[in-house]
Amino acid sequence: MTRLLLAALFVLRLGAEHKDEDLPKVLWRDPGQKTVQDWVCGPGGCDHMPAPPFQFIKEELTGTNPKVLVRDAKDQTWSVKLGNEALPECFASRFATAIGYGAEPTYFVASGKIEGLGKLQRARWIIHKDGTFTHARFELRGQKDFVFLEHHVWAWDDNPFRGTHELAGLKIVMMLLTNWDAKDAHKGDDSNNSIFRAMRDGAPILLYAVSDWGASLGRWGGPQRRDRSDCAGFALDTPHFVEGVRQNEVLFGFAGKHEMDIKKNITVEDVRWLLPYLSGVTPENLRAGLKAAGATDRQTTCWSHSIEQRVGELQAIAAKPRLP
């Protein structure tokens, strides 16, 4: 009887995995018009906002920045990242969603306290002994309708969307926000390109998304130049965001990890496709998203102005007459 039960469970598991492979593969959908509240609450909505007190579960030792898992008063599980990637991730998730791309629910928590803190390794430099912390990104875990598929990753040059405006648009957004950390499936499980089982219009899909935007909103370039969450550096690079057009290919000043996978073969038509969605993002939206991500008033003005300038550079390229 036990063997029959195990065999049945094994068949069910195989069936579930097979179903995942057969699900529609989605990279983008028309986002419609987002409200200021959408920008404040992000892709998870206002109902999922983290609620203290926070109870320690364990420390996560993957990735560059210190992270811990906690449970909140709503019995929600969160991956808490501390450090200078918190602000970029919280803002970029809102920006990507507003343009039509998938993103994990993230929230900025300015300060708080984690109860029942265990022994920490990397996070001991960021979380105080009494459990208090500042400037944290809370990313929701354990959702039934948005499931991270472990070991399911994708590459910029190998995916179901090659040659589409949607993929080119995501690459433009990567450069627009200066996300220079473009690790993909060629780096194995260390990829920043993930696949989620999600629900769309009541039906399951495989959602392809960028799952780590922490390297955004700073300077692009090589290891000695690039940084993150640096508005002065971001503004410095802005006049060089679009450098021109050569034989209908848009030339970008962006540089970073695997930069040619991001900036090559993007056409003027790709820019024209993306612009209606970028143009739907208002200055009020940008300011609301940046403030919700923890930006100061000065940072909010700096970043929003630079992003508007970069969109203006794309508009200038798109406005040029089509070559015969």
C-alpha atoms as a PDB file:
ATOM      1  CA  MET A   1       0.000   0.000   0.000  1.00  0.00           C
ATOM      2  CA  THR A   2       2.806   2.383   0.910  1.00  0.00           C
ATOM      3  CA  ARG A   3       4.587   1.634  -2.374  1.00  0.00           C
ATOM      4  CA  LEU A   4       1.401   2.328  -4.326  1.00  0.00           C
ATOM      5  CA  LEU A   5       0.941   5.634  -2.515  1.00  0.00           C
ATOM      6  CA  LEU A   6       4.538   6.686  -3.174  1.00  0.00           C
ATOM      7  CA  ALA A   7       4.209   5.725  -6.813  1.00  0.00           C
ATOM      8  CA  ALA A   8       1.027   7.760  -7.131  1.00  0.00           C
ATOM      9  CA  LEU A   9       2.676  10.785  -5.527  1.00  0.00           C
ATOM     10  CA  PHE A  10       5.650  10.413  -7.890  1.00  0.00           C
ATOM     11  CA  VAL A  11       3.342  10.353 -10.918  1.00  0.00           C
ATOM     12  CA  LEU A  12       1.475  13.416  -9.636  1.00  0.00           C
ATOM     13  CA  ARG A  13       4.768  15.248  -9.178  1.00  0.00           C
ATOM     14  CA  LEU A  14       5.887  14.395 -12.694  1.00  0.00           C
ATOM     15  CA  GLY A  15       2.529  15.563 -13.969  1.00  0.00           C
ATOM     16  CA  ALA A  16       2.859  18.885 -12.153  1.00  0.00           C
ATOM     17  CA  GLU A  17       6.325  19.425 -13.592  1.00  0.00           C
ATOM     18  CA  HIS A  18       5.061  18.563 -17.058  1.00  0.00           C
ATOM     19  CA  LYS A  19       2.187  21.023 -16.619  1.00  0.00           C
ATOM     20  CA  ASP A  20       4.646  23.791 -15.754  1.00  0.00           C
ATOM     21  CA  GLU A  21       6.490  23.218 -19.005  1.00  0.00           C
ATOM     22  CA  ASP A  22       3.227  23.376 -20.954  1.00  0.00           C
ATOM     23  CA  LEU A  23       2.001  26.636 -19.430  1.00  0.00           C
ATOM     24  CA  PRO A  24       1.909  29.795 -21.573  1.00  0.00           C
ATOM     25  CA  LYS A  25       5.180  31.709 -21.366  1.00  0.00           C
ATOM     26  CA  VAL A  26       4.727  35.405 -20.665  1.00  0.00           C
ATOM     27  CA  LEU A  27       7.206  38.280 -20.466  1.00  0.00           C
ATOM     28  CA  TRP A  28       4.948  41.334 -20.739  1.00  0.00           C
ATOM     29  CA  ARG A  29       1.335  42.443 -20.664  1.00  0.00           C
ATOM     30  CA  ASP A  30      -0.337  45.794 -21.246  1.00  0.00           C
ATOM     31  CA  PRO A  31      -0.186  47.433 -17.806  1.00  0.00           C
ATOM     32  CA  GLY A  32      -3.066  49.861 -18.294  1.00  0.00           C
ATOM     33  CA  GLN A  33      -2.952  53.143 -16.422  1.00  0.00           C
ATOM     34  CA  LYS A  34      -1.365  52.869 -12.972  1.00  0.00           C
ATOM     35  CA  THR A  35      -2.532  55.104 -10.131  1.00  0.00           C
ATOM     36  CA  VAL A  36      -0.335  56.875  -7.595  1.00  0.00           C
ATOM     37  CA  GLN A  37      -1.488  54.268  -5.066  1.00  0.00           C
ATOM     38  CA  ASP A  38      -0.185  51.521  -7.364  1.00  0.00           C
ATOM     39  CA  TRP A  39       3.217  53.193  -7.257  1.00  0.00           C
ATOM     40  CA  VAL A  40       3.070  53.574  -3.477  1.00  0.00           C
ATOM     41  CA  CYS A  41       2.082  49.957  -2.794  1.00  0.00           C
ATOM     42  CA  GLY A  42       3.897  48.247  -5.668  1.00  0.00           C
ATOM     43  CA  PRO A  43       3.102  44.935  -7.386  1.00  0.00           C
ATOM     44  CA  GLY A  44       1.976  43.315  -4.122  1.00  0.00           C
ATOM     45  CA  GLY A  45      -0.696  45.905  -3.418  1.00  0.00           C
ATOM     46  CA  CYS A  46      -1.451  47.683  -0.159  1.00  0.00           C
ATOM     47  CA  ASP A  47      -3.022  44.641   1.539  1.00  0.00           C
ATOM     48  CA  HIS A  48       0.295  42.794   1.682  1.00  0.00           C
ATOM     49  CA  MET A  49       2.351  45.531   3.300  1.00  0.00           C
ATOM     50  CA  PRO A  50       4.633  44.124   6.054  1.00  0.00           C
ATOM     51  CA  ALA A  51       3.084  44.269   9.518  1.00  0.00           C
ATOM     52  CA  PRO A  52       5.227  44.206  12.679  1.00  0.00           C
ATOM     53  CA  PRO A  53       6.192  42.534  14.891  1.00  0.00           C
ATOM     54  CA  PHE A  54       8.677  40.540  12.812  1.00  0.00           C
ATOM     55  CA  GLN A  55       9.788  37.089  13.975  1.00  0.00           C
ATOM     56  CA  PHE A  56      13.174  35.712  12.926  1.00  0.00           C
ATOM     57  CA  ILE A  57      13.160  32.472  10.884  1.00  0.00           C
ATOM     58  CA  LYS A  58      16.712  32.138   9.562  1.00  0.00           C
ATOM     59  CA  GLU A  59      19.527  33.935   7.800  1.00  0.00           C
ATOM     60  CA  GLU A  60      19.836  33.581   4.023  1.00  0.00           C
ATOM     61  CA  LEU A  61      23.435  33.277   2.842  1.00  0.00           C
ATOM     62  CA  THR A  62      22.957  33.605  -0.935  1.00  0.00           C
ATOM     63  CA  GLY A  63      23.582  36.740  -2.960  1.00  0.00           C
ATOM     64  CA  THR A  64      25.843  39.708  -2.350  1.00  0.00           C
ATOM     65  CA  ASN A  65      23.934  41.526   0.382  1.00  0.00           C
ATOM     66  CA  PRO A  66      22.970  40.243   3.860  1.00  0.00           C
ATOM     67  CA  LYS A  67      19.431  38.822   4.072  1.00  0.00           C
ATOM     68  CA  VAL A  68      17.223  37.165   6.690  1.00  0.00           C
ATOM     69  CA  LEU A  69      13.838  35.439   6.553  1.00  0.00           C
ATOM     70  CA  VAL A  70      11.153  36.716   8.918  1.00  0.00           C
ATOM     71  CA  ARG A  71       7.430  36.188   9.576  1.00  0.00           C
ATOM     72  CA  ASP A  72       5.164  39.151  10.230  1.00  0.00           C
ATOM     73  CA  ALA A  73       1.934  39.728  12.195  1.00  0.00           C
ATOM     74  CA  LYS A  74      -0.129  38.676   9.130  1.00  0.00           C
ATOM     75  CA  ASP A  75       1.730  35.327   9.017  1.00  0.00           C
ATOM     76  CA  GLN A  76       3.451  36.440   5.812  1.00  0.00           C
ATOM     77  CA  THR A  77       7.017  35.318   5.127  1.00  0.00           C
ATOM     78  CA  TRP A  78       9.548  37.896   3.969  1.00  0.00           C
ATOM     79  CA  SER A  79      13.077  37.928   2.634  1.00  0.00           C
ATOM     80  CA  VAL A  80      14.612  41.009   4.228  1.00  0.00           C
ATOM     81  CA  LYS A  81      17.587  42.532   2.429  1.00  0.00           C
ATOM     82  CA  LEU A  82      19.582  45.235   4.159  1.00  0.00           C
ATOM     83  CA  GLY A  83      22.016  47.671   2.618  1.00  0.00           C
ATOM     84  CA  ASN A  84      22.242  49.904  -0.427  1.00  0.00           C
ATOM     85  CA  GLU A  85      20.267  47.562  -2.708  1.00  0.00           C
ATOM     86  CA  ALA A  86      17.031  48.070  -0.759  1.00  0.00           C
ATOM     87  CA  LEU A  87      15.986  51.332  -2.396  1.00  0.00           C
ATOM     88  CA  PRO A  88      16.764  50.357  -6.020  1.00  0.00           C
ATOM     89  CA  GLU A  89      14.899  47.056  -5.702  1.00  0.00           C
ATOM     90  CA  CYS A  90      11.799  48.641  -4.204  1.00  0.00           C
ATOM     91  CA  PHE A  91      11.639  51.366  -6.849  1.00  0.00           C
ATOM     92  CA  ALA A  92      12.530  49.171  -9.829  1.00  0.00           C
ATOM     93  CA  SER A  93       9.812  46.630  -8.979  1.00  0.00           C
ATOM     94  CA  ARG A  94       7.260  49.446  -9.171  1.00  0.00           C
ATOM     95  CA  PHE A  95       8.715  50.866 -12.382  1.00  0.00           C
ATOM     96  CA  ALA A  96       8.881  47.487 -14.146  1.00  0.00           C
ATOM     97  CA  THR A  97       5.292  46.642 -13.173  1.00  0.00           C
ATOM     98  CA  ALA A  98       4.049  50.011 -14.401  1.00  0.00           C
ATOM     99  CA  ILE A  99       5.613  49.325 -17.820  1.00  0.00           C
ATOM    100  CA  GLY A 100       4.092  45.842 -18.044  1.00  0.00           C
ATOM    101  CA  TYR A 101       6.869  43.539 -16.803  1.00  0.00           C
ATOM    102  CA  GLY A 102       6.712  41.089 -13.919  1.00  0.00           C
ATOM    103  CA  ALA A 103       8.238  41.854 -10.542  1.00  0.00           C
ATOM    104  CA  GLU A 104       8.138  40.404  -7.053  1.00  0.00           C
ATOM    105  CA  PRO A 105       6.188  42.249  -4.338  1.00  0.00           C
ATOM    106  CA  THR A 106       8.671  44.444  -2.481  1.00  0.00           C
ATOM    107  CA  TYR A 107       8.299  47.066   0.228  1.00  0.00           C
ATOM    108  CA  PHE A 108      10.677  49.474   1.904  1.00  0.00           C
ATOM    109  CA  VAL A 109      10.709  49.448   5.712  1.00  0.00           C
ATOM    110  CA  ALA A 110      12.596  52.411   7.132  1.00  0.00           C
ATOM    111  CA  SER A 111      13.188  50.833  10.537  1.00  0.00           C
ATOM    112  CA  GLY A 112      11.961  48.020  12.747  1.00  0.00           C
ATOM    113  CA  LYS A 113      12.869  45.216  15.081  1.00  0.00           C
ATOM    114  CA  ILE A 114      13.201  41.464  14.509  1.00  0.00           C
ATOM    115  CA  GLU A 115      12.204  39.343  17.502  1.00  0.00           C
ATOM    116  CA  GLY A 116      13.879  36.050  18.436  1.00  0.00           C
ATOM    117  CA  LEU A 117      17.038  36.845  16.540  1.00  0.00           C
ATOM    118  CA  GLY A 118      19.332  33.838  16.149  1.00  0.00           C
ATOM    119  CA  LYS A 119      23.064  33.721  15.543  1.00  0.00           C
ATOM    120  CA  LEU A 120      23.937  35.752  12.469  1.00  0.00           C
ATOM    121  CA  GLN A 121      26.880  35.662  10.090  1.00  0.00           C
ATOM    122  CA  ARG A 122      26.887  38.348   7.388  1.00  0.00           C
ATOM    123  CA  ALA A 123      23.793  40.112   8.718  1.00  0.00           C
ATOM    124  CA  ARG A 124      25.376  40.772  12.107  1.00  0.00           C
ATOM    125  CA  TRP A 125      26.990  43.887  10.653  1.00  0.00           C
ATOM    126  CA  ILE A 126      23.605  45.296   9.602  1.00  0.00           C
ATOM    127  CA  ILE A 127      21.153  44.096  12.268  1.00  0.00           C
ATOM    128  CA  HIS A 128      21.848  45.215  15.838  1.00  0.00           C
ATOM    129  CA  LYS A 129      22.067  42.690  18.665  1.00  0.00           C
ATOM    130  CA  ASP A 130      18.635  43.757  19.940  1.00  0.00           C
ATOM    131  CA  GLY A 131      17.135  43.000  16.492  1.00  0.00           C
ATOM    132  CA  THR A 132      16.702  46.594  15.356  1.00  0.00           C
ATOM    133  CA  PHE A 133      17.425  47.506  11.740  1.00  0.00           C
ATOM    134  CA  THR A 134      17.089  50.382   9.284  1.00  0.00           C
ATOM    135  CA  HIS A 135      16.587  50.732   5.525  1.00  0.00           C
ATOM    136  CA  ALA A 136      15.336  47.262   4.587  1.00  0.00           C
ATOM    137  CA  ARG A 137      13.737  45.769   1.505  1.00  0.00           C
ATOM    138  CA  PHE A 138      10.980  43.268   2.349  1.00  0.00           C
ATOM    139  CA  GLU A 139      10.260  40.805  -0.481  1.00  0.00           C
ATOM    140  CA  LEU A 140       7.218  38.572  -0.112  1.00  0.00           C
ATOM    141  CA  ARG A 141       7.668  34.788  -0.058  1.00  0.00           C
ATOM    142  CA  GLY A 142       5.331  31.804  -0.005  1.00  0.00           C
ATOM    143  CA  GLN A 143       2.530  33.072  -2.241  1.00  0.00           C
ATOM    144  CA  LYS A 144       0.374  30.417  -3.855  1.00  0.00           C
ATOM    145  CA  ASP A 145      -0.357  32.532  -6.936  1.00  0.00           C
ATOM    146  CA  PHE A 146       3.234  33.718  -7.490  1.00  0.00           C
ATOM    147  CA  VAL A 147       5.680  30.849  -7.057  1.00  0.00           C
ATOM    148  CA  PHE A 148       9.409  31.160  -7.625  1.00  0.00           C
ATOM    149  CA  LEU A 149      10.497  28.074  -9.591  1.00  0.00           C
ATOM    150  CA  GLU A 150      13.839  26.994  -8.196  1.00  0.00           C
ATOM    151  CA  HIS A 151      16.471  26.089 -10.810  1.00  0.00           C
ATOM    152  CA  HIS A 152      14.297  27.659 -13.543  1.00  0.00           C
ATOM    153  CA  VAL A 153      16.292  30.478 -15.118  1.00  0.00           C
ATOM    154  CA  TRP A 154      16.567  32.094 -18.538  1.00  0.00           C
ATOM    155  CA  ALA A 155      19.208  33.841 -20.628  1.00  0.00           C
ATOM    156  CA  TRP A 156      19.053  37.096 -22.551  1.00  0.00           C
ATOM    157  CA  ASP A 157      20.161  35.305 -25.738  1.00  0.00           C
ATOM    158  CA  ASP A 158      18.142  32.110 -25.205  1.00  0.00           C
ATOM    159  CA  ASN A 159      14.459  32.511 -24.357  1.00  0.00           C
ATOM    160  CA  PRO A 160      11.038  32.253 -26.047  1.00  0.00           C
ATOM    161  CA  PHE A 161      10.884  36.004 -26.740  1.00  0.00           C
ATOM    162  CA  ARG A 162      13.959  36.567 -28.906  1.00  0.00           C
ATOM    163  CA  GLY A 163      13.397  39.152 -31.611  1.00  0.00           C
ATOM    164  CA  THR A 164      10.296  40.678 -29.974  1.00  0.00           C
ATOM    165  CA  HIS A 165       9.625  44.273 -28.980  1.00  0.00           C
ATOM    166  CA  GLU A 166       8.783  42.991 -25.490  1.00  0.00           C
ATOM    167  CA  LEU A 167      12.271  41.588 -24.874  1.00  0.00           C
ATOM    168  CA  ALA A 168      13.944  44.643 -26.373  1.00  0.00           C
ATOM    169  CA  GLY A 169      11.743  46.812 -24.153  1.00  0.00           C
ATOM    170  CA  LEU A 170      12.915  45.004 -21.017  1.00  0.00           C
ATOM    171  CA  LYS A 171      16.515  45.526 -22.070  1.00  0.00           C
ATOM    172  CA  ILE A 172      15.832  49.246 -22.512  1.00  0.00           C
ATOM    173  CA  VAL A 173      14.309  49.373 -19.011  1.00  0.00           C
ATOM    174  CA  MET A 174      17.431  47.643 -17.648  1.00  0.00           C
ATOM    175  CA  MET A 175      19.557  50.417 -19.157  1.00  0.00           C
ATOM    176  CA  LEU A 176      17.089  53.170 -18.290  1.00  0.00           C
ATOM    177  CA  LEU A 177      17.440  52.274 -14.593  1.00  0.00           C
ATOM    178  CA  THR A 178      21.151  51.378 -14.976  1.00  0.00           C
ATOM    179  CA  ASN A 179      20.776  47.807 -13.759  1.00  0.00           C
ATOM    180  CA  TRP A 180      24.313  46.737 -14.712  1.00  0.00           C
ATOM    181  CA  ASP A 181      24.092  43.299 -13.049  1.00  0.00           C
ATOM    182  CA  ALA A 182      22.701  41.319 -15.990  1.00  0.00           C
ATOM    183  CA  LYS A 183      23.699  37.818 -14.834  1.00  0.00           C
ATOM    184  CA  ASP A 184      21.490  35.265 -16.573  1.00  0.00           C
ATOM    185  CA  ALA A 185      21.097  31.492 -17.050  1.00  0.00           C
ATOM    186  CA  HIS A 186      24.695  31.216 -18.228  1.00  0.00           C
ATOM    187  CA  LYS A 187      25.586  31.751 -14.539  1.00  0.00           C
ATOM    188  CA  GLY A 188      23.324  28.885 -13.419  1.00  0.00           C
ATOM    189  CA  ASP A 189      21.348  29.376 -10.212  1.00  0.00           C
ATOM    190  CA  ASP A 190      23.164  32.677  -9.670  1.00  0.00           C
ATOM    191  CA  SER A 191      21.066  34.119 -12.498  1.00  0.00           C
ATOM    192  CA  ASN A 192      19.116  37.339 -11.957  1.00  0.00           C
ATOM    193  CA  ASN A 193      16.598  36.178 -14.578  1.00  0.00           C
ATOM    194  CA  SER A 194      13.975  33.951 -12.957  1.00  0.00           C
ATOM    195  CA  ILE A 195      10.771  32.139 -13.879  1.00  0.00           C
ATOM    196  CA  PHE A 196       7.635  32.187 -11.733  1.00  0.00           C
ATOM    197  CA  ARG A 197       4.402  30.224 -11.846  1.00  0.00           C
ATOM    198  CA  ALA A 198       1.841  33.010 -11.667  1.00  0.00           C
ATOM    199  CA  MET A 199      -1.854  33.596 -12.280  1.00  0.00           C
ATOM    200  CA  ARG A 200      -2.975  35.826 -15.113  1.00  0.00           C
ATOM    201  CA  ASP A 201      -6.705  36.374 -15.774  1.00  0.00           C
ATOM    202  CA  GLY A 202      -7.534  33.349 -13.628  1.00  0.00           C
ATOM    203  CA  ALA A 203      -5.200  30.957 -15.447  1.00  0.00           C
ATOM    204  CA  PRO A 204      -1.647  29.806 -14.609  1.00  0.00           C
ATOM    205  CA  ILE A 205       1.285  31.048 -16.669  1.00  0.00           C
ATOM    206  CA  LEU A 206       5.075  30.933 -16.617  1.00  0.00           C
ATOM    207  CA  LEU A 207       6.195  34.493 -15.977  1.00  0.00           C
ATOM    208  CA  TYR A 208       9.720  35.379 -17.113  1.00  0.00           C
ATOM    209  CA  ALA A 209      11.146  38.267 -15.089  1.00  0.00           C
ATOM    210  CA  VAL A 210      14.246  40.006 -13.785  1.00  0.00           C
ATOM    211  CA  SER A 211      14.343  39.083 -10.108  1.00  0.00           C
ATOM    212  CA  ASP A 212      17.191  41.276  -8.855  1.00  0.00           C
ATOM    213  CA  TRP A 213      17.273  45.017  -9.507  1.00  0.00           C
ATOM    214  CA  GLY A 214      19.617  45.827  -6.621  1.00  0.00           C
ATOM    215  CA  ALA A 215      22.424  47.128  -8.856  1.00  0.00           C
ATOM    216  CA  SER A 216      20.219  49.888 -10.284  1.00  0.00           C
ATOM    217  CA  LEU A 217      20.053  53.684  -9.962  1.00  0.00           C
ATOM    218  CA  GLY A 218      23.784  54.349  -9.920  1.00  0.00           C
ATOM    219  CA  ARG A 219      26.655  54.590 -12.404  1.00  0.00           C
ATOM    220  CA  TRP A 220      27.213  52.058 -15.160  1.00  0.00           C
ATOM    221  CA  GLY A 221      30.655  50.837 -16.247  1.00  0.00           C
ATOM    222  CA  GLY A 222      33.388  48.418 -15.258  1.00  0.00           C
ATOM    223  CA  PRO A 223      34.111  47.102 -11.751  1.00  0.00           C
ATOM    224  CA  GLN A 224      36.047  50.214 -10.736  1.00  0.00           C
ATOM    225  CA  ARG A 225      33.352  52.659 -11.840  1.00  0.00           C
ATOM    226  CA  ARG A 226      29.889  51.183 -11.467  1.00  0.00           C
ATOM    227  CA  ASP A 227      27.878  51.481  -8.286  1.00  0.00           C
ATOM    228  CA  ARG A 228      24.265  51.399  -7.097  1.00  0.00           C
ATOM    229  CA  SER A 229      21.806  53.747  -5.411  1.00  0.00           C
ATOM    230  CA  ASP A 230      23.921  56.772  -6.360  1.00  0.00           C
ATOM    231  CA  CYS A 231      21.828  59.570  -7.795  1.00  0.00           C
ATOM    232  CA  ALA A 232      24.763  61.880  -8.518  1.00  0.00           C
ATOM    233  CA  GLY A 233      26.424  59.131 -10.569  1.00  0.00           C
ATOM    234  CA  PHE A 234      23.131  58.264 -12.260  1.00  0.00           C
ATOM    235  CA  ALA A 235      22.648  61.894 -13.264  1.00  0.00           C
ATOM    236  CA  LEU A 236      26.237  62.110 -14.531  1.00  0.00           C
ATOM    237  CA  ASP A 237      25.613  59.258 -16.982  1.00  0.00           C
ATOM    238  CA  THR A 238      22.201  60.501 -18.138  1.00  0.00           C
ATOM    239  CA  PRO A 239      23.383  62.730 -21.040  1.00  0.00           C
ATOM    240  CA  HIS A 240      25.105  59.645 -22.510  1.00  0.00           C
ATOM    241  CA  PHE A 241      22.130  57.281 -22.165  1.00  0.00           C
ATOM    242  CA  VAL A 242      21.340  57.391 -25.903  1.00  0.00           C
ATOM    243  CA  GLU A 243      24.352  58.090 -28.092  1.00  0.00           C
ATOM    244  CA  GLY A 244      22.748  57.908 -31.523  1.00  0.00           C
ATOM    245  CA  VAL A 245      21.480  55.579 -34.225  1.00  0.00           C
ATOM    246  CA  ARG A 246      23.464  53.522 -36.728  1.00  0.00           C
ATOM    247  CA  GLN A 247      21.597  51.714 -39.502  1.00  0.00           C
ATOM    248  CA  ASN A 248      18.398  51.742 -37.414  1.00  0.00           C
ATOM    249  CA  GLU A 249      20.155  50.285 -34.348  1.00  0.00           C
ATOM    250  CA  VAL A 250      20.008  52.519 -31.267  1.00  0.00           C
ATOM    251  CA  LEU A 251      23.380  53.057 -29.611  1.00  0.00           C
ATOM    252  CA  PHE A 252      23.461  53.267 -25.808  1.00  0.00           C
ATOM    253  CA  GLY A 253      26.221  54.450 -23.501  1.00  0.00           C
ATOM    254  CA  PHE A 254      25.367  51.743 -20.957  1.00  0.00           C
ATOM    255  CA  ALA A 255      28.107  49.373 -19.765  1.00  0.00           C
ATOM    256  CA  GLY A 256      28.075  46.550 -17.222  1.00  0.00           C
ATOM    257  CA  LYS A 257      28.056  42.781 -16.859  1.00  0.00           C
ATOM    258  CA  HIS A 258      27.160  41.057 -20.153  1.00  0.00           C
ATOM    259  CA  GLU A 259      26.472  44.505 -21.606  1.00  0.00           C
ATOM    260  CA  MET A 260      26.336  43.352 -25.228  1.00  0.00           C
ATOM    261  CA  ASP A 261      23.494  40.967 -24.386  1.00  0.00           C
ATOM    262  CA  ILE A 262      21.565  44.011 -23.191  1.00  0.00           C
ATOM    263  CA  LYS A 263      22.366  46.841 -25.584  1.00  0.00           C
ATOM    264  CA  LYS A 264      22.963  45.232 -28.965  1.00  0.00           C
ATOM    265  CA  ASN A 265      20.355  44.911 -31.741  1.00  0.00           C
ATOM    266  CA  ILE A 266      17.793  47.314 -30.260  1.00  0.00           C
ATOM    267  CA  THR A 267      16.062  49.160 -33.078  1.00  0.00           C
ATOM    268  CA  VAL A 268      14.258  52.478 -33.371  1.00  0.00           C
ATOM    269  CA  GLU A 269      11.044  50.457 -33.815  1.00  0.00           C
ATOM    270  CA  ASP A 270      11.657  48.783 -30.457  1.00  0.00           C
ATOM    271  CA  VAL A 271      11.950  52.223 -28.852  1.00  0.00           C
ATOM    272  CA  ARG A 272       8.750  53.389 -30.555  1.00  0.00           C
ATOM    273  CA  TRP A 273       6.919  50.327 -29.249  1.00  0.00           C
ATOM    274  CA  LEU A 274       8.007  50.992 -25.645  1.00  0.00           C
ATOM    275  CA  LEU A 275       7.464  54.752 -25.552  1.00  0.00           C
ATOM    276  CA  PRO A 276       3.652  54.778 -25.122  1.00  0.00           C
ATOM    277  CA  TYR A 277       4.091  52.830 -21.881  1.00  0.00           C
ATOM    278  CA  LEU A 278       7.004  54.947 -20.670  1.00  0.00           C
ATOM    279  CA  SER A 279       5.042  58.082 -21.525  1.00  0.00           C
ATOM    280  CA  GLY A 280       2.230  56.872 -19.261  1.00  0.00           C
ATOM    281  CA  VAL A 281       4.548  57.257 -16.274  1.00  0.00           C
ATOM    282  CA  THR A 282       3.996  60.749 -14.880  1.00  0.00           C
ATOM    283  CA  PRO A 283       6.391  62.814 -12.741  1.00  0.00           C
ATOM    284  CA  GLU A 284       3.915  62.295  -9.886  1.00  0.00           C
ATOM    285  CA  ASN A 285       4.173  58.509 -10.384  1.00  0.00           C
ATOM    286  CA  LEU A 286       7.963  58.611 -10.286  1.00  0.00           C
ATOM    287  CA  ARG A 287       8.013  60.698  -7.138  1.00  0.00           C
ATOM    288  CA  ALA A 288       5.482  58.453  -5.404  1.00  0.00           C
ATOM    289  CA  GLY A 289       7.462  55.314  -6.304  1.00  0.00           C
ATOM    290  CA  LEU A 290      10.765  56.790  -5.195  1.00  0.00           C
ATOM    291  CA  LYS A 291       9.370  58.033  -1.886  1.00  0.00           C
ATOM    292  CA  ALA A 292       7.773  54.613  -1.262  1.00  0.00           C
ATOM    293  CA  ALA A 293      11.198  53.055  -1.902  1.00  0.00           C
ATOM    294  CA  GLY A 294      12.823  55.198   0.789  1.00  0.00           C
ATOM    295  CA  ALA A 295      14.311  58.046  -1.261  1.00  0.00           C
ATOM    296  CA  THR A 296      14.835  61.399   0.409  1.00  0.00           C
ATOM    297  CA  ASP A 297      13.307  64.556  -1.073  1.00  0.00           C
ATOM    298  CA  ARG A 298      16.643  65.442  -2.685  1.00  0.00           C
ATOM    299  CA  GLN A 299      17.109  61.950  -4.108  1.00  0.00           C
ATOM    300  CA  THR A 300      13.523  61.881  -5.376  1.00  0.00           C
ATOM    301  CA  THR A 301      14.027  65.126  -7.302  1.00  0.00           C
ATOM    302  CA  CYS A 302      17.394  63.974  -8.662  1.00  0.00           C
ATOM    303  CA  TRP A 303      16.314  60.517  -9.845  1.00  0.00           C
ATOM    304  CA  SER A 304      12.923  61.536 -11.220  1.00  0.00           C
ATOM    305  CA  HIS A 305      14.498  64.367 -13.227  1.00  0.00           C
ATOM    306  CA  SER A 306      17.180  62.064 -14.678  1.00  0.00           C
ATOM    307  CA  ILE A 307      14.664  59.347 -15.591  1.00  0.00           C
ATOM    308  CA  GLU A 308      12.516  61.945 -17.363  1.00  0.00           C
ATOM    309  CA  GLN A 309      15.620  63.127 -19.237  1.00  0.00           C
ATOM    310  CA  ARG A 310      16.430  59.587 -20.345  1.00  0.00           C
ATOM    311  CA  VAL A 311      12.899  59.039 -21.602  1.00  0.00           C
ATOM    312  CA  GLY A 312      13.248  62.337 -23.461  1.00  0.00           C
ATOM    313  CA  GLU A 313      16.369  61.001 -25.206  1.00  0.00           C
ATOM    314  CA  LEU A 314      14.366  57.984 -26.374  1.00  0.00           C
ATOM    315  CA  GLN A 315      11.565  60.270 -27.586  1.00  0.00           C
ATOM    316  CA  ALA A 316      14.056  62.313 -29.605  1.00  0.00           C
ATOM    317  CA  ILE A 317      15.303  59.167 -31.347  1.00  0.00           C
ATOM    318  CA  ALA A 318      11.781  57.956 -32.063  1.00  0.00           C
ATOM    319  CA  ALA A 319      10.734  61.346 -33.491  1.00  0.00           C
ATOM    320  CA  LYS A 320      13.332  61.256 -36.256  1.00  0.00           C
ATOM    321  CA  PRO A 321      11.921  60.388 -39.712  1.00  0.00           C
ATOM    322  CA  ARG A 322      12.064  56.761 -40.747  1.00  0.00           C
ATOM    323  CA  LEU A 323      14.809  56.045 -43.246  1.00  0.00           C
ATOM    324  CA  PRO A 324      13.648  54.709 -46.650  1.00  0.00           C
END
